[in-house]
């Protein structure tokens, strides 16, 4: 009787594997067709909205850094985050001198591109937004948001970056929202 149970337990996993093979094949096929669209983003909430999946240049920024290959691309998908450096930053203080968030200018020497990033302090749970130059704002419920990249042929010319952290839980930029904004200036500074 004991040998029958052992034999039954050894056969059962093989039968289960045989039944699961078609399901696994379908999942692999779906993953190969749709790529990373179904992969959850661990680096930023709402990153799926920022990913330009229709770009013919996706994946070309690091090996061939040019404006068409890099501008408006996601630094994570392009691999430009790997050697990124924070060139400048500004903290967003509250009225009580508590640090709410940090706005950063990130730069990849390999990709010759910059982007903005805002990171809230660990105890702050507020929506944030970040903008670089004239490009659209990227909004996140927190704790991090980053812009698409801008190709930089010469580091003496960089874009303005503005980061905002909400003070009332409402997404920055809405009419009923209240927040604090800091700016990392463009270089050379543009006089208005």
N, C-alpha and C. Protein backbone atom coordinates (compact mmCIF):
# COMPACT_ATOMS: atom_id res chain seq x y z
N UNK A 1 0.82 -1.19 0.00
CA UNK A 1 0.00 0.00 0.00
C UNK A 1 0.87 1.26 0.00
N UNK A 2 1.96 1.24 0.75
CA UNK A 2 2.85 2.39 0.81
C UNK A 2 3.50 2.63 -0.55
N UNK A 3 3.90 1.60 -1.24
CA UNK A 3 4.53 1.77 -2.54
C UNK A 3 3.56 2.34 -3.56
N UNK A 4 2.27 2.00 -3.46
CA UNK A 4 1.28 2.56 -4.37
C UNK A 4 1.15 4.07 -4.17
N UNK A 5 1.16 4.51 -2.93
CA UNK A 5 1.06 5.94 -2.65
C UNK A 5 2.28 6.67 -3.19
N UNK A 6 3.46 6.13 -2.97
CA UNK A 6 4.67 6.74 -3.51
C UNK A 6 4.62 6.81 -5.03
N UNK A 7 4.20 5.73 -5.65
CA UNK A 7 4.13 5.69 -7.10
C UNK A 7 3.11 6.71 -7.61
N UNK A 8 1.97 6.82 -6.92
CA UNK A 8 0.93 7.76 -7.31
C UNK A 8 1.44 9.21 -7.19
N UNK A 9 2.20 9.52 -6.14
CA UNK A 9 2.72 10.86 -5.93
C UNK A 9 3.77 11.22 -6.99
N UNK A 10 4.51 10.24 -7.46
CA UNK A 10 5.51 10.51 -8.49
C UNK A 10 4.85 10.75 -9.85
N UNK A 11 3.77 10.10 -10.16
CA UNK A 11 3.09 10.22 -11.45
C UNK A 11 2.28 11.51 -11.50
N UNK A 12 1.68 11.91 -10.39
CA UNK A 12 0.82 13.08 -10.36
C UNK A 12 1.52 14.36 -10.81
N UNK A 13 2.72 14.67 -10.35
CA UNK A 13 3.36 15.89 -10.83
C UNK A 13 3.64 15.86 -12.34
N UNK A 14 3.97 14.72 -12.89
CA UNK A 14 4.22 14.63 -14.33
C UNK A 14 2.94 14.90 -15.09
N UNK A 15 1.83 14.36 -14.63
CA UNK A 15 0.53 14.60 -15.29
C UNK A 15 0.16 16.08 -15.19
N UNK A 16 0.43 16.68 -14.04
CA UNK A 16 0.11 18.10 -13.88
C UNK A 16 0.96 18.95 -14.83
N UNK A 17 2.23 18.60 -14.94
CA UNK A 17 3.10 19.35 -15.85
C UNK A 17 2.63 19.24 -17.29
N UNK A 18 2.23 18.07 -17.68
CA UNK A 18 1.75 17.86 -19.05
C UNK A 18 0.50 18.70 -19.29
N UNK A 19 -0.37 18.80 -18.30
CA UNK A 19 -1.59 19.61 -18.45
C UNK A 19 -1.28 21.11 -18.43
N UNK A 20 -0.23 21.52 -17.73
CA UNK A 20 0.11 22.93 -17.64
C UNK A 20 0.92 23.43 -18.84
N UNK A 21 1.53 22.54 -19.60
CA UNK A 21 2.36 22.95 -20.73
C UNK A 21 1.62 23.85 -21.72
N UNK A 22 0.39 23.52 -22.15
CA UNK A 22 -0.29 24.43 -23.09
C UNK A 22 -0.55 25.82 -22.49
N UNK A 23 -0.86 25.87 -21.20
CA UNK A 23 -1.11 27.16 -20.55
C UNK A 23 0.18 27.97 -20.50
N UNK A 24 1.27 27.31 -20.13
CA UNK A 24 2.56 28.01 -20.08
C UNK A 24 2.98 28.49 -21.46
N UNK A 25 2.74 27.71 -22.50
CA UNK A 25 3.08 28.10 -23.86
C UNK A 25 2.30 29.34 -24.29
N UNK A 26 1.01 29.40 -23.94
CA UNK A 26 0.19 30.57 -24.27
C UNK A 26 0.71 31.80 -23.55
N UNK A 27 1.06 31.66 -22.27
CA UNK A 27 1.58 32.80 -21.51
C UNK A 27 2.91 33.31 -22.09
N UNK A 28 3.76 32.41 -22.49
CA UNK A 28 5.03 32.80 -23.10
C UNK A 28 4.78 33.51 -24.42
N UNK A 29 3.84 33.01 -25.21
CA UNK A 29 3.51 33.62 -26.49
C UNK A 29 2.96 35.04 -26.28
N UNK A 30 2.06 35.21 -25.32
CA UNK A 30 1.50 36.53 -25.02
C UNK A 30 2.62 37.47 -24.59
N UNK A 31 3.51 37.01 -23.73
CA UNK A 31 4.61 37.84 -23.27
C UNK A 31 5.54 38.26 -24.40
N UNK A 32 5.78 37.35 -25.36
CA UNK A 32 6.67 37.70 -26.47
C UNK A 32 6.01 38.67 -27.44
N UNK A 33 4.69 38.62 -27.56
CA UNK A 33 3.98 39.53 -28.46
C UNK A 33 3.88 40.92 -27.86
N UNK A 34 3.50 41.00 -26.59
CA UNK A 34 3.23 42.29 -25.96
C UNK A 34 4.40 42.84 -25.17
N UNK A 35 5.46 42.12 -25.04
CA UNK A 35 6.66 42.61 -24.35
C UNK A 35 6.40 42.96 -22.91
N UNK A 36 6.82 44.16 -22.51
CA UNK A 36 6.77 44.56 -21.11
C UNK A 36 5.47 45.23 -20.72
N UNK A 37 4.47 45.26 -21.59
CA UNK A 37 3.24 45.95 -21.25
C UNK A 37 2.54 45.33 -20.06
N UNK A 38 2.74 44.04 -19.81
CA UNK A 38 2.07 43.39 -18.69
C UNK A 38 2.98 43.23 -17.49
N UNK A 39 4.20 43.73 -17.56
CA UNK A 39 5.13 43.63 -16.45
C UNK A 39 4.89 44.80 -15.51
N UNK A 40 4.62 44.56 -14.22
CA UNK A 40 4.40 45.68 -13.31
C UNK A 40 5.64 46.53 -13.16
N UNK A 41 5.45 47.83 -13.08
CA UNK A 41 6.56 48.75 -12.96
C UNK A 41 6.97 48.89 -11.51
N UNK A 42 8.23 48.59 -11.23
CA UNK A 42 8.73 48.70 -9.86
C UNK A 42 9.43 50.02 -9.63
N UNK A 43 9.69 50.77 -10.68
CA UNK A 43 10.48 51.98 -10.50
C UNK A 43 9.65 53.24 -10.37
N UNK A 44 8.39 53.24 -10.77
CA UNK A 44 7.58 54.44 -10.60
C UNK A 44 6.13 54.12 -10.86
N UNK A 45 5.29 54.66 -9.99
CA UNK A 45 3.85 54.49 -10.20
C UNK A 45 3.46 55.26 -11.44
N UNK A 46 2.64 54.67 -12.26
CA UNK A 46 2.17 55.34 -13.45
C UNK A 46 3.17 55.36 -14.59
N UNK A 47 4.21 54.56 -14.52
CA UNK A 47 5.23 54.59 -15.56
C UNK A 47 4.68 54.11 -16.90
N UNK A 48 3.65 53.29 -16.88
CA UNK A 48 3.10 52.80 -18.13
C UNK A 48 2.62 53.94 -19.02
N UNK A 49 2.16 55.02 -18.41
CA UNK A 49 1.72 56.18 -19.19
C UNK A 49 2.89 56.86 -19.86
N UNK A 50 4.09 56.73 -19.31
CA UNK A 50 5.25 57.43 -19.82
C UNK A 50 5.99 56.64 -20.90
N UNK A 51 5.65 55.40 -21.06
CA UNK A 51 6.40 54.56 -21.98
C UNK A 51 5.89 54.76 -23.40
N UNK A 52 6.76 55.15 -24.29
CA UNK A 52 6.40 55.36 -25.68
C UNK A 52 6.64 54.06 -26.43
N UNK A 53 5.65 53.17 -26.40
CA UNK A 53 5.84 51.85 -27.00
C UNK A 53 5.76 51.88 -28.52
N UNK A 54 5.34 53.01 -29.10
CA UNK A 54 5.20 53.09 -30.54
C UNK A 54 6.43 53.66 -31.22
N UNK A 55 7.44 54.03 -30.46
CA UNK A 55 8.61 54.68 -31.03
C UNK A 55 9.44 53.68 -31.82
N UNK A 56 9.82 54.07 -33.03
CA UNK A 56 10.67 53.20 -33.83
C UNK A 56 12.10 53.17 -33.32
N UNK A 57 12.44 54.13 -32.43
CA UNK A 57 13.81 54.23 -31.93
C UNK A 57 13.98 53.60 -30.56
N UNK A 58 12.95 53.01 -29.99
CA UNK A 58 13.04 52.48 -28.64
C UNK A 58 14.20 51.49 -28.53
N UNK A 59 15.06 51.71 -27.56
CA UNK A 59 16.20 50.83 -27.35
C UNK A 59 17.46 51.28 -28.07
N UNK A 60 17.41 52.39 -28.80
CA UNK A 60 18.57 52.83 -29.56
C UNK A 60 19.36 53.94 -28.89
N UNK A 61 18.86 54.53 -27.82
CA UNK A 61 19.53 55.69 -27.24
C UNK A 61 20.93 55.35 -26.72
N UNK A 62 21.07 54.31 -25.94
CA UNK A 62 22.38 53.99 -25.37
C UNK A 62 23.42 53.63 -26.45
N UNK A 63 23.08 52.78 -27.42
CA UNK A 63 24.10 52.46 -28.42
C UNK A 63 24.34 53.58 -29.45
N UNK A 64 23.30 54.39 -29.73
CA UNK A 64 23.43 55.45 -30.72
C UNK A 64 22.77 56.73 -30.20
N UNK A 65 23.41 57.43 -29.25
CA UNK A 65 22.77 58.60 -28.66
C UNK A 65 22.68 59.78 -29.62
N UNK A 66 21.46 60.06 -30.04
CA UNK A 66 21.16 61.23 -30.88
C UNK A 66 19.83 61.78 -30.39
N UNK A 67 19.50 62.98 -30.83
CA UNK A 67 18.23 63.57 -30.41
C UNK A 67 17.03 62.70 -30.80
N UNK A 68 16.94 62.20 -32.04
CA UNK A 68 15.78 61.36 -32.38
C UNK A 68 15.73 60.05 -31.58
N UNK A 69 16.88 59.52 -31.21
CA UNK A 69 16.91 58.25 -30.47
C UNK A 69 16.64 58.42 -28.99
N UNK A 70 16.91 59.62 -28.43
CA UNK A 70 16.86 59.78 -26.98
C UNK A 70 15.75 60.69 -26.45
N UNK A 71 15.49 61.81 -27.13
CA UNK A 71 14.50 62.75 -26.62
C UNK A 71 13.12 62.11 -26.59
N UNK A 72 12.41 62.35 -25.50
CA UNK A 72 11.06 61.81 -25.23
C UNK A 72 11.06 60.31 -24.97
N UNK A 73 12.19 59.73 -24.66
CA UNK A 73 12.25 58.31 -24.35
C UNK A 73 12.34 58.09 -22.84
N UNK A 74 11.95 56.92 -22.40
CA UNK A 74 11.97 56.53 -21.00
C UNK A 74 13.39 56.12 -20.62
N UNK A 75 14.02 56.77 -19.62
CA UNK A 75 15.40 56.42 -19.27
C UNK A 75 15.55 54.99 -18.75
N UNK A 76 14.50 54.45 -18.17
CA UNK A 76 14.58 53.08 -17.67
C UNK A 76 14.57 52.09 -18.83
N UNK A 77 13.66 52.28 -19.77
CA UNK A 77 13.57 51.35 -20.90
C UNK A 77 14.79 51.43 -21.81
N UNK A 78 15.37 52.60 -21.92
CA UNK A 78 16.53 52.78 -22.78
C UNK A 78 17.82 52.31 -22.12
N UNK A 79 17.78 52.03 -20.82
CA UNK A 79 18.97 51.59 -20.10
C UNK A 79 19.87 52.73 -19.68
N UNK A 80 19.39 53.96 -19.83
CA UNK A 80 20.22 55.13 -19.52
C UNK A 80 20.38 55.35 -18.02
N UNK A 81 19.55 54.75 -17.23
CA UNK A 81 19.65 54.87 -15.77
C UNK A 81 20.91 54.19 -15.23
N UNK A 82 21.47 53.27 -15.99
CA UNK A 82 22.58 52.45 -15.48
C UNK A 82 23.80 53.26 -15.09
N UNK A 83 24.10 54.32 -15.85
CA UNK A 83 25.26 55.13 -15.50
C UNK A 83 24.85 56.56 -15.13
N UNK A 84 23.58 56.74 -14.80
CA UNK A 84 23.07 58.08 -14.51
C UNK A 84 23.70 58.67 -13.25
N UNK A 85 23.86 59.97 -13.30
CA UNK A 85 24.42 60.73 -12.18
C UNK A 85 23.46 61.86 -11.86
N UNK A 86 23.41 62.25 -10.60
CA UNK A 86 22.65 63.42 -10.21
C UNK A 86 23.57 64.62 -10.32
N UNK A 87 23.31 65.49 -11.30
CA UNK A 87 24.17 66.66 -11.52
C UNK A 87 23.82 67.81 -10.59
N UNK A 88 22.54 67.95 -10.27
CA UNK A 88 22.11 68.99 -9.34
C UNK A 88 20.81 68.54 -8.69
N UNK A 89 20.52 69.12 -7.54
CA UNK A 89 19.28 68.80 -6.85
C UNK A 89 18.87 69.98 -5.99
N UNK A 90 17.61 69.99 -5.63
CA UNK A 90 17.08 71.01 -4.74
C UNK A 90 16.02 70.34 -3.88
N UNK A 91 16.11 70.55 -2.58
CA UNK A 91 15.13 69.97 -1.67
C UNK A 91 13.90 70.88 -1.58
N UNK A 92 12.75 70.26 -1.38
CA UNK A 92 11.49 71.00 -1.23
C UNK A 92 11.16 71.03 0.26
N UNK A 93 11.39 72.19 0.90
CA UNK A 93 11.12 72.26 2.35
C UNK A 93 9.68 72.70 2.64
N UNK A 94 9.15 72.23 3.75
CA UNK A 94 7.84 72.70 4.21
C UNK A 94 8.04 73.99 5.00
N UNK A 95 6.95 74.59 5.45
CA UNK A 95 7.03 75.80 6.27
C UNK A 95 7.76 75.52 7.58
N UNK A 96 7.74 74.27 8.04
CA UNK A 96 8.40 73.89 9.29
C UNK A 96 9.81 73.35 9.03
N UNK A 97 10.35 73.60 7.86
CA UNK A 97 11.70 73.18 7.45
C UNK A 97 11.86 71.67 7.37
N UNK A 98 10.76 70.93 7.23
CA UNK A 98 10.82 69.50 6.99
C UNK A 98 11.05 69.30 5.48
N UNK A 99 11.91 68.36 5.11
CA UNK A 99 12.15 68.08 3.70
C UNK A 99 11.01 67.20 3.19
N UNK A 100 10.24 67.74 2.23
CA UNK A 100 9.10 67.00 1.66
C UNK A 100 9.53 66.12 0.50
N UNK A 101 10.46 66.63 -0.32
CA UNK A 101 10.90 65.90 -1.51
C UNK A 101 12.22 66.48 -1.99
N UNK A 102 12.83 65.79 -2.93
CA UNK A 102 14.05 66.26 -3.58
C UNK A 102 13.85 66.20 -5.08
N UNK A 103 14.12 67.31 -5.75
CA UNK A 103 14.05 67.39 -7.21
C UNK A 103 15.48 67.26 -7.73
N UNK A 104 15.68 66.38 -8.72
CA UNK A 104 17.02 66.08 -9.21
C UNK A 104 17.12 66.25 -10.72
N UNK A 105 18.30 66.68 -11.18
CA UNK A 105 18.65 66.65 -12.60
C UNK A 105 19.51 65.41 -12.78
N UNK A 106 19.02 64.42 -13.52
CA UNK A 106 19.75 63.19 -13.77
C UNK A 106 20.36 63.26 -15.17
N UNK A 107 21.56 62.71 -15.31
CA UNK A 107 22.26 62.74 -16.59
C UNK A 107 22.97 61.42 -16.82
N UNK A 108 22.85 60.91 -18.04
CA UNK A 108 23.55 59.69 -18.44
C UNK A 108 24.64 60.05 -19.44
N UNK A 109 25.92 59.83 -19.07
CA UNK A 109 27.00 60.09 -20.03
C UNK A 109 26.92 59.19 -21.26
N UNK A 110 26.48 57.97 -21.10
CA UNK A 110 26.37 57.06 -22.23
C UNK A 110 25.32 57.54 -23.22
N UNK A 111 24.19 58.00 -22.70
CA UNK A 111 23.07 58.41 -23.55
C UNK A 111 23.10 59.90 -23.90
N UNK A 112 24.00 60.66 -23.30
CA UNK A 112 24.07 62.11 -23.53
C UNK A 112 22.69 62.73 -23.35
N UNK A 113 21.99 62.32 -22.30
CA UNK A 113 20.62 62.77 -22.07
C UNK A 113 20.40 63.09 -20.60
N UNK A 114 19.47 64.01 -20.37
CA UNK A 114 19.09 64.38 -19.01
C UNK A 114 17.61 64.14 -18.82
N UNK A 115 17.20 64.04 -17.55
CA UNK A 115 15.79 63.96 -17.19
C UNK A 115 15.65 64.45 -15.77
N UNK A 116 14.42 64.79 -15.42
CA UNK A 116 14.14 65.22 -14.06
C UNK A 116 13.54 64.09 -13.26
N UNK A 117 13.81 64.12 -11.97
CA UNK A 117 13.26 63.11 -11.07
C UNK A 117 12.90 63.79 -9.76
N UNK A 118 11.78 63.41 -9.17
CA UNK A 118 11.39 63.90 -7.86
C UNK A 118 11.12 62.70 -6.98
N UNK A 119 11.66 62.75 -5.77
CA UNK A 119 11.50 61.66 -4.81
C UNK A 119 11.02 62.28 -3.50
N UNK A 120 9.92 61.77 -2.98
CA UNK A 120 9.43 62.29 -1.70
C UNK A 120 10.19 61.65 -0.55
N UNK A 121 10.20 62.35 0.57
CA UNK A 121 10.80 61.79 1.78
C UNK A 121 9.98 60.58 2.21
N UNK A 122 10.61 59.63 2.92
CA UNK A 122 9.92 58.38 3.27
C UNK A 122 8.62 58.58 4.04
N UNK A 123 8.52 59.61 4.86
CA UNK A 123 7.31 59.79 5.66
C UNK A 123 6.27 60.68 4.98
N UNK A 124 6.51 61.09 3.75
CA UNK A 124 5.58 61.94 3.00
C UNK A 124 4.81 61.07 2.02
N UNK A 125 3.51 61.16 2.07
CA UNK A 125 2.65 60.37 1.18
C UNK A 125 1.74 61.32 0.42
N UNK A 126 2.34 62.05 -0.53
CA UNK A 126 1.61 63.05 -1.31
C UNK A 126 1.93 62.85 -2.80
N UNK A 127 0.98 63.24 -3.66
CA UNK A 127 1.25 63.19 -5.10
C UNK A 127 2.37 64.16 -5.48
N UNK A 128 3.08 63.85 -6.56
CA UNK A 128 4.18 64.68 -7.04
C UNK A 128 4.06 64.85 -8.55
N UNK A 129 4.70 65.91 -9.06
CA UNK A 129 4.81 66.07 -10.52
C UNK A 129 6.20 66.61 -10.84
N UNK A 130 6.63 66.34 -12.07
CA UNK A 130 7.95 66.78 -12.51
C UNK A 130 7.85 67.14 -13.99
N UNK A 131 8.52 68.23 -14.37
CA UNK A 131 8.50 68.71 -15.75
C UNK A 131 9.93 69.08 -16.15
N UNK A 132 10.28 68.79 -17.40
CA UNK A 132 11.56 69.23 -17.94
C UNK A 132 11.29 70.05 -19.19
N UNK A 133 11.84 71.26 -19.22
CA UNK A 133 11.66 72.14 -20.37
C UNK A 133 10.21 72.37 -20.67
N UNK A 134 9.85 72.25 -21.94
CA UNK A 134 8.47 72.47 -22.37
C UNK A 134 7.70 71.17 -22.52
N UNK A 135 8.27 70.07 -22.09
CA UNK A 135 7.63 68.76 -22.21
C UNK A 135 6.53 68.60 -21.17
N UNK A 136 5.62 67.69 -21.40
CA UNK A 136 4.49 67.46 -20.51
C UNK A 136 4.95 67.02 -19.13
N UNK A 137 4.18 67.41 -18.12
CA UNK A 137 4.46 66.99 -16.74
C UNK A 137 4.20 65.51 -16.59
N UNK A 138 4.98 64.89 -15.73
CA UNK A 138 4.73 63.50 -15.33
C UNK A 138 4.23 63.56 -13.90
N UNK A 139 3.10 62.94 -13.65
CA UNK A 139 2.46 62.99 -12.35
C UNK A 139 2.43 61.59 -11.76
N UNK A 140 2.62 61.52 -10.46
CA UNK A 140 2.62 60.23 -9.78
C UNK A 140 1.98 60.39 -8.40
N UNK A 141 1.32 59.36 -7.91
CA UNK A 141 0.80 59.43 -6.54
C UNK A 141 1.93 59.40 -5.51
N UNK A 142 3.18 59.27 -5.96
CA UNK A 142 4.33 59.23 -5.08
C UNK A 142 4.82 57.80 -4.95
N UNK A 143 5.94 57.56 -4.44
CA UNK A 143 6.94 58.47 -3.90
C UNK A 143 7.92 59.00 -4.94
N UNK A 144 7.79 58.59 -6.23
CA UNK A 144 8.78 58.99 -7.23
C UNK A 144 8.08 59.26 -8.56
N UNK A 145 8.61 60.21 -9.30
CA UNK A 145 8.18 60.46 -10.67
C UNK A 145 9.41 60.95 -11.44
N UNK A 146 9.45 60.67 -12.73
CA UNK A 146 10.54 61.16 -13.55
C UNK A 146 10.02 61.49 -14.93
N UNK A 147 10.75 62.38 -15.60
CA UNK A 147 10.35 62.82 -16.93
C UNK A 147 10.93 61.89 -17.99
N UNK A 148 10.49 62.10 -19.21
CA UNK A 148 11.16 61.49 -20.34
C UNK A 148 12.50 62.22 -20.51
N UNK A 149 13.38 61.65 -21.30
CA UNK A 149 14.72 62.23 -21.47
C UNK A 149 14.72 63.35 -22.50
N UNK A 150 15.73 64.20 -22.38
CA UNK A 150 16.05 65.23 -23.38
C UNK A 150 17.51 65.04 -23.74
N UNK A 151 17.78 64.90 -25.03
CA UNK A 151 19.16 64.73 -25.50
C UNK A 151 19.93 66.02 -25.25
N UNK A 152 21.15 65.88 -24.74
CA UNK A 152 22.01 67.03 -24.42
C UNK A 152 23.33 66.83 -25.15
N UNK A 153 23.54 67.62 -26.19
CA UNK A 153 24.79 67.48 -26.94
C UNK A 153 25.96 68.13 -26.20
N UNK A 154 25.63 69.10 -25.33
CA UNK A 154 26.67 69.84 -24.62
C UNK A 154 26.10 70.19 -23.24
N UNK A 155 26.78 69.79 -22.18
CA UNK A 155 26.25 70.02 -20.83
C UNK A 155 26.18 71.49 -20.43
N UNK A 156 26.68 72.39 -21.26
CA UNK A 156 26.54 73.81 -20.93
C UNK A 156 25.15 74.32 -21.32
N UNK A 157 24.34 73.46 -21.95
CA UNK A 157 22.96 73.81 -22.31
C UNK A 157 22.04 72.72 -21.77
N UNK A 158 21.37 73.00 -20.67
CA UNK A 158 20.43 72.03 -20.09
C UNK A 158 19.08 72.71 -19.87
N UNK A 159 18.05 71.90 -19.73
CA UNK A 159 16.68 72.39 -19.61
C UNK A 159 16.30 72.70 -18.17
N UNK A 160 15.31 73.57 -18.02
CA UNK A 160 14.75 73.85 -16.70
C UNK A 160 13.95 72.64 -16.24
N UNK A 161 14.05 72.33 -14.95
CA UNK A 161 13.29 71.23 -14.36
C UNK A 161 12.51 71.78 -13.19
N UNK A 162 11.20 71.49 -13.16
CA UNK A 162 10.35 71.92 -12.05
C UNK A 162 9.71 70.69 -11.41
N UNK A 163 9.83 70.62 -10.09
CA UNK A 163 9.21 69.54 -9.34
C UNK A 163 8.26 70.11 -8.31
N UNK A 164 7.09 69.47 -8.18
CA UNK A 164 6.06 69.93 -7.24
C UNK A 164 5.61 68.77 -6.37
N UNK A 165 5.46 69.04 -5.09
CA UNK A 165 4.89 68.06 -4.17
C UNK A 165 3.59 68.66 -3.63
N UNK A 166 2.55 67.85 -3.60
CA UNK A 166 1.24 68.30 -3.14
C UNK A 166 1.26 68.53 -1.63
N UNK A 167 0.47 69.50 -1.21
CA UNK A 167 0.31 69.76 0.23
C UNK A 167 -1.06 69.31 0.74
N UNK A 168 -1.97 69.02 -0.19
CA UNK A 168 -3.33 68.66 0.23
C UNK A 168 -3.82 67.34 -0.35
N UNK A 169 -2.92 66.54 -0.87
CA UNK A 169 -3.30 65.23 -1.40
C UNK A 169 -3.90 65.26 -2.78
N UNK A 170 -4.03 66.44 -3.37
CA UNK A 170 -4.59 66.59 -4.71
C UNK A 170 -3.44 66.69 -5.70
N UNK A 171 -3.58 66.02 -6.82
CA UNK A 171 -2.53 65.98 -7.83
C UNK A 171 -2.07 67.38 -8.21
N UNK A 172 -0.76 67.63 -8.18
CA UNK A 172 -0.25 68.95 -8.58
C UNK A 172 -0.70 69.32 -9.99
N UNK A 173 -1.01 70.59 -10.17
CA UNK A 173 -1.44 71.07 -11.47
C UNK A 173 -2.95 71.22 -11.60
N UNK A 174 -3.71 70.56 -10.74
CA UNK A 174 -5.17 70.74 -10.77
C UNK A 174 -5.52 72.06 -10.10
N UNK A 175 -6.62 72.63 -10.49
CA UNK A 175 -7.02 73.95 -9.98
C UNK A 175 -7.21 73.94 -8.46
N UNK A 176 -7.68 72.83 -7.91
CA UNK A 176 -7.93 72.76 -6.47
C UNK A 176 -6.74 72.20 -5.69
N UNK A 177 -5.63 72.00 -6.37
CA UNK A 177 -4.44 71.47 -5.72
C UNK A 177 -3.59 72.58 -5.11
N UNK A 178 -2.90 72.24 -4.05
CA UNK A 178 -1.96 73.16 -3.42
C UNK A 178 -0.64 72.42 -3.27
N UNK A 179 0.45 73.07 -3.64
CA UNK A 179 1.73 72.40 -3.54
C UNK A 179 2.89 73.36 -3.51
N UNK A 180 4.05 72.80 -3.24
CA UNK A 180 5.29 73.57 -3.25
C UNK A 180 6.11 73.12 -4.45
N UNK A 181 6.66 74.11 -5.17
CA UNK A 181 7.43 73.83 -6.37
C UNK A 181 8.84 74.39 -6.22
N UNK A 182 9.82 73.62 -6.68
CA UNK A 182 11.19 74.12 -6.78
C UNK A 182 11.63 73.98 -8.23
N UNK A 183 12.58 74.82 -8.62
CA UNK A 183 13.06 74.84 -10.00
C UNK A 183 14.57 74.69 -10.04
N UNK A 184 15.02 73.79 -10.90
CA UNK A 184 16.43 73.70 -11.26
C UNK A 184 16.55 74.47 -12.57
N UNK A 185 17.30 75.57 -12.60
CA UNK A 185 17.29 76.46 -13.76
C UNK A 185 17.93 75.85 -15.00
N UNK A 186 17.51 76.39 -16.13
CA UNK A 186 18.11 76.02 -17.40
C UNK A 186 19.49 76.67 -17.49
N UNK A 187 20.37 76.08 -18.28
CA UNK A 187 21.68 76.67 -18.54
C UNK A 187 21.86 76.77 -20.04
N UNK A 188 22.33 77.84 -20.60
CA UNK A 188 22.52 79.10 -19.88
C UNK A 188 21.16 79.65 -19.46
N UNK A 189 21.14 80.41 -18.40
CA UNK A 189 19.87 80.91 -17.90
C UNK A 189 19.25 81.82 -18.96
N UNK A 190 17.96 81.65 -19.12
CA UNK A 190 17.26 82.43 -20.13
C UNK A 190 16.54 83.57 -19.44
N UNK A 191 16.95 84.78 -19.76
CA UNK A 191 16.35 85.97 -19.17
C UNK A 191 14.99 86.20 -19.79
N UNK A 192 14.04 86.52 -18.93
CA UNK A 192 12.67 86.77 -19.42
C UNK A 192 12.41 88.25 -19.48
